Amino acid sequence: MSDLDERRRLLHEIKLNGSLPVHVAIIMDGNGRWAAARGLPRFRGHTAGMKSVREATQGCIEAGVRVLTLYAFSQENWNRPRAEVAALMKLFERYVAKERQELIDEGVEVRVLGDHRRITGAPRKAMESIERATAGGKNLRLNLMISYGGRAEIVRASQRLAERVQKGELDIADIDEQAFANELYTADVPDPDLLIRTSGELRVSNFLLWQLAYTEMFITPLLWPDFTRTHHFEAIHEYQK
């Protein structure tokens, strides 16, 4: 059976099963190892991974998933060599320029979430432009987590609640799980139903620590640039079972 036939078979079964994940989150791991295995510089792995981003986005639309959250750039990534960080930011600019019109046409609303204080210049403009251009898309909400860390997000939410208490806007007794969740970057979307992690690593890497409390996990040994739409459907189908 060809890959296309297998993809169609899986999508058909997904539609029949009916029990879809509303929100899929992905830790896109393995770009560096993919490049190293081919004797290429690391940034070539990140470039190759752009195709898998498109595959995952289109796969979610076809399957009927409503929210896709991608771990694109962690706060820890700022500690990588300056040249690699610059290449990652340039790659984001390329993604915005290349994919903007298709995202608009497919009804994808993009939100870039994280601590953006260190993002300036052209990457900042690209971030703001893709959010403006895709605002109101109805078919898929795509969260790109850039300069994001789960622990930092929890600290930020705690600080925001403390500020509201200090201003007299909120009583301590009113702080519950929902009040806390309302201060997270993902406050306006449901928690992930399914987490996909490529490269076979068995850890969450400081990603959505609060939101993943009850999330089903699908771990694959595939490196991110090798992850296709068929593999995405396999993960959703496994979730349904």
Protein backbone atom coordinates (compact mmCIF):
# COMPACT_ATOMS: atom_id res chain seq x y z
CA MET A 1 0.00 0.00 0.00
CA SER A 2 1.37 3.42 -0.95
CA ASP A 3 1.78 6.19 1.59
CA LEU A 4 -1.09 8.10 -0.03
CA ASP A 5 -3.39 5.05 0.16
CA GLU A 6 -2.43 4.51 3.82
CA ARG A 7 -3.11 8.17 4.58
CA ARG A 8 -6.54 7.95 2.98
CA ARG A 9 -7.31 4.73 4.86
CA LEU A 10 -6.36 6.26 8.19
CA LEU A 11 -8.32 9.45 7.53
CA HIS A 12 -11.38 7.37 6.62
CA GLU A 13 -11.12 5.40 9.88
CA ILE A 14 -10.58 8.60 11.86
CA LYS A 15 -13.78 10.04 10.41
CA LEU A 16 -15.68 6.84 11.19
CA ASN A 17 -14.47 6.69 14.81
CA GLY A 18 -15.72 10.18 15.53
CA SER A 19 -13.93 10.70 18.84
CA LEU A 20 -11.45 13.34 17.73
CA PRO A 21 -8.94 15.20 19.88
CA VAL A 22 -10.01 18.83 19.93
CA HIS A 23 -6.49 20.06 20.71
CA VAL A 24 -3.23 18.42 19.57
CA ALA A 25 0.14 19.61 20.87
CA ILE A 26 3.48 18.59 19.36
CA ILE A 27 7.05 18.66 20.67
CA MET A 28 8.94 18.86 17.39
CA ASP A 29 12.20 17.14 18.34
CA GLY A 30 15.06 15.72 16.33
CA ASN A 31 15.94 18.37 13.76
CA GLY A 32 19.59 18.49 14.86
CA ARG A 33 19.97 14.71 14.86
CA TRP A 34 18.33 14.50 11.43
CA ALA A 35 20.91 16.93 10.04
CA ALA A 36 23.85 15.28 11.84
CA ALA A 37 22.92 11.87 10.43
CA ARG A 38 23.27 13.37 6.95
CA GLY A 39 26.44 15.32 7.64
CA LEU A 40 24.59 18.62 7.39
CA PRO A 41 24.69 21.72 9.64
CA ARG A 42 21.95 21.87 12.31
CA PHE A 43 20.02 24.66 10.61
CA ARG A 44 19.38 22.35 7.65
CA GLY A 45 17.46 20.10 9.99
CA HIS A 46 15.33 23.02 11.16
CA THR A 47 14.69 23.95 7.52
CA ALA A 48 13.66 20.39 6.70
CA GLY A 49 11.28 20.46 9.66
CA MET A 50 9.24 23.25 8.05
CA LYS A 51 7.69 20.68 5.71
CA SER A 52 6.50 18.67 8.71
CA VAL A 53 4.88 21.79 10.18
CA ARG A 54 2.83 22.12 7.02
CA GLU A 55 1.99 18.40 7.09
CA ALA A 56 0.76 18.63 10.68
CA THR A 57 -1.25 21.77 9.99
CA GLN A 58 -2.95 20.34 6.92
CA GLY A 59 -3.48 17.01 8.69
CA CYS A 60 -5.33 18.73 11.53
CA ILE A 61 -7.57 20.56 9.08
CA GLU A 62 -8.38 17.37 7.16
CA ALA A 63 -9.08 15.37 10.32
CA GLY A 64 -11.15 18.10 11.96
CA VAL A 65 -8.85 18.97 14.87
CA ARG A 66 -9.64 22.48 16.09
CA VAL A 67 -6.40 23.53 17.83
CA LEU A 68 -2.76 22.70 17.06
CA THR A 69 0.03 23.87 19.39
CA LEU A 70 3.65 23.55 18.25
CA TYR A 71 6.68 23.89 20.53
CA ALA A 72 8.76 25.96 18.13
CA PHE A 73 11.38 27.71 20.30
CA SER A 74 11.87 27.22 24.03
CA GLN A 75 13.30 29.77 26.44
CA GLU A 76 16.22 27.39 26.86
CA ASN A 77 16.93 27.73 23.14
CA TRP A 78 18.25 31.23 23.81
CA ASN A 79 21.31 29.48 25.32
CA ARG A 80 22.24 27.89 21.99
CA PRO A 81 25.06 29.38 19.87
CA ARG A 82 24.22 32.84 18.62
CA ALA A 83 24.44 31.75 14.98
CA GLU A 84 21.90 28.96 15.54
CA VAL A 85 19.49 31.29 17.34
CA ALA A 86 19.78 33.79 14.47
CA ALA A 87 19.14 30.99 11.97
CA LEU A 88 16.02 29.90 13.87
CA MET A 89 14.65 33.42 13.91
CA LYS A 90 15.38 33.81 10.20
CA LEU A 91 13.60 30.50 9.60
CA PHE A 92 10.52 31.85 11.37
CA GLU A 93 10.59 34.89 9.09
CA ARG A 94 10.78 32.57 6.07
CA TYR A 95 7.89 30.50 7.38
CA VAL A 96 5.72 33.59 7.74
CA ALA A 97 6.59 34.86 4.27
CA LYS A 98 6.13 31.47 2.59
CA GLU A 99 3.05 30.19 4.40
CA ARG A 100 1.05 33.37 5.08
CA GLN A 101 -1.26 33.22 2.09
CA GLU A 102 -1.90 29.49 2.36
CA LEU A 103 -2.71 29.83 6.06
CA ILE A 104 -5.17 32.61 5.24
CA ASP A 105 -6.74 30.58 2.42
CA GLU A 106 -7.11 27.52 4.67
CA GLY A 107 -8.72 29.51 7.48
CA VAL A 108 -5.90 29.05 9.99
CA GLU A 109 -5.66 31.61 12.78
CA VAL A 110 -2.07 31.87 14.03
CA ARG A 111 -1.17 32.99 17.54
CA VAL A 112 2.47 33.30 18.62
CA LEU A 113 2.66 32.69 22.37
CA GLY A 114 5.49 33.05 24.87
CA ASP A 115 7.74 35.64 26.49
CA HIS A 116 8.59 37.89 23.56
CA ARG A 117 10.62 40.55 25.34
CA ARG A 118 13.84 39.34 23.68
CA ILE A 119 12.35 39.18 20.20
CA THR A 120 12.94 42.40 18.27
CA GLY A 121 13.42 43.67 14.73
CA ALA A 122 12.35 41.57 11.74
CA PRO A 123 11.31 38.48 13.75
CA ARG A 124 9.03 40.64 15.90
CA LYS A 125 7.47 42.22 12.82
CA ALA A 126 6.95 38.79 11.27
CA MET A 127 5.28 37.56 14.45
CA GLU A 128 2.90 40.51 14.55
CA SER A 129 2.16 40.38 10.82
CA ILE A 130 1.16 36.70 10.75
CA GLU A 131 -1.20 37.22 13.70
CA ARG A 132 -2.83 40.21 11.98
CA ALA A 133 -3.07 38.51 8.60
CA THR A 134 -4.68 35.32 9.88
CA ALA A 135 -6.97 36.81 12.56
CA GLY A 136 -10.45 35.36 12.38
CA GLY A 137 -9.52 32.06 10.68
CA LYS A 138 -12.27 29.55 11.46
CA ASN A 139 -10.85 26.14 10.50
CA LEU A 140 -7.87 25.79 12.84
CA ARG A 141 -6.21 27.69 15.65
CA LEU A 142 -2.42 27.30 15.31
CA ASN A 143 -0.40 28.23 18.40
CA LEU A 144 3.32 28.71 17.75
CA MET A 145 5.07 28.62 21.11
CA ILE A 146 8.15 30.83 20.71
CA SER A 147 10.43 31.83 23.59
CA TYR A 148 8.19 29.67 25.74
CA GLY A 149 8.80 27.77 28.98
CA GLY A 150 6.22 25.95 31.07
CA ARG A 151 7.70 26.89 34.46
CA ALA A 152 8.04 30.53 33.43
CA GLU A 153 4.40 30.51 32.28
CA ILE A 154 3.29 29.24 35.70
CA VAL A 155 5.37 31.90 37.47
CA ARG A 156 3.89 34.56 35.16
CA ALA A 157 0.34 33.39 35.93
CA SER A 158 1.08 33.47 39.67
CA GLN A 159 2.44 37.01 39.41
CA ARG A 160 -0.61 38.18 37.45
CA LEU A 161 -2.95 36.74 40.09
CA ALA A 162 -0.90 38.34 42.88
CA GLU A 163 -1.10 41.71 41.12
CA ARG A 164 -4.89 41.41 40.86
CA VAL A 165 -5.13 40.59 44.57
CA GLN A 166 -2.85 43.52 45.40
CA LYS A 167 -5.05 45.88 43.37
CA GLY A 168 -8.17 44.60 45.10
CA GLU A 169 -9.57 43.12 41.89
CA LEU A 170 -9.51 39.54 43.19
CA ASP A 171 -9.96 37.89 46.57
CA ILE A 172 -7.51 35.16 47.59
CA ALA A 173 -10.43 32.83 48.27
CA ASP A 174 -11.46 33.15 44.61
CA ILE A 175 -8.17 31.74 43.30
CA ASP A 176 -8.91 28.24 42.02
CA GLU A 177 -7.78 26.10 39.09
CA GLN A 178 -9.95 27.98 36.61
CA ALA A 179 -8.72 31.38 37.81
CA PHE A 180 -5.15 30.16 37.40
CA ALA A 181 -5.80 28.68 33.94
CA ASN A 182 -7.29 32.02 32.86
CA GLU A 183 -3.87 33.63 33.30
CA LEU A 184 -2.02 31.16 31.06
CA TYR A 185 -1.06 31.87 27.45
CA THR A 186 -3.58 29.22 26.36
CA ALA A 187 -6.49 30.62 28.39
CA ASP A 188 -8.80 30.82 25.37
CA VAL A 189 -8.36 27.21 24.16
CA PRO A 190 -9.04 23.85 25.86
CA ASP A 191 -6.12 21.84 27.26
CA PRO A 192 -4.50 19.41 24.81
CA ASP A 193 -6.18 16.04 24.40
CA LEU A 194 -3.15 14.55 22.63
CA LEU A 195 0.56 15.29 22.89
CA ILE A 196 2.83 14.01 20.11
CA ARG A 197 6.58 13.88 20.70
CA THR A 198 9.01 12.92 17.97
CA SER A 199 12.56 11.50 18.36
CA GLY A 200 11.55 8.96 21.01
CA GLU A 201 12.47 11.02 24.07
CA LEU A 202 10.28 10.32 27.11
CA ARG A 203 10.00 13.77 28.63
CA VAL A 204 7.85 16.89 28.26
CA SER A 205 10.79 19.34 28.16
CA ASN A 206 9.13 22.16 30.12
CA PHE A 207 6.21 22.28 27.69
CA LEU A 208 2.66 23.12 28.81
CA LEU A 209 3.30 21.77 32.31
CA TRP A 210 -0.09 22.83 33.68
CA GLN A 211 -2.08 22.03 30.55
CA LEU A 212 -0.77 18.46 30.06
CA ALA A 213 -2.12 17.14 33.39
CA TYR A 214 -4.59 14.73 31.71
CA THR A 215 -3.26 14.61 28.16
CA GLU A 216 -2.76 11.35 26.27
CA MET A 217 0.78 10.98 24.89
CA PHE A 218 2.00 9.52 21.61
CA ILE A 219 5.78 9.02 21.43
CA THR A 220 7.39 8.13 18.11
CA PRO A 221 11.08 7.41 17.37
CA LEU A 222 10.77 9.35 14.12
CA LEU A 223 12.76 12.58 13.91
CA TRP A 224 10.62 15.64 13.23
CA PRO A 225 11.66 16.21 9.58
CA ASP A 226 10.58 12.61 8.82
CA PHE A 227 7.13 13.05 10.42
CA THR A 228 4.50 13.08 7.67
CA ARG A 229 0.77 13.64 7.52
CA THR A 230 0.33 9.86 7.53
CA HIS A 231 2.22 9.65 10.83
CA HIS A 232 0.04 12.46 12.17
CA PHE A 233 -3.07 10.47 11.27
CA GLU A 234 -1.55 7.39 12.95
CA ALA A 235 -1.20 9.36 16.19
CA ILE A 236 -4.81 10.59 16.03
CA HIS A 237 -6.04 7.08 15.23
CA GLU A 238 -4.11 5.66 18.17
CA TYR A 239 -5.67 8.32 20.41
CA GLN A 240 -9.13 7.26 19.25
CA LYS A 241 -8.42 3.66 20.28
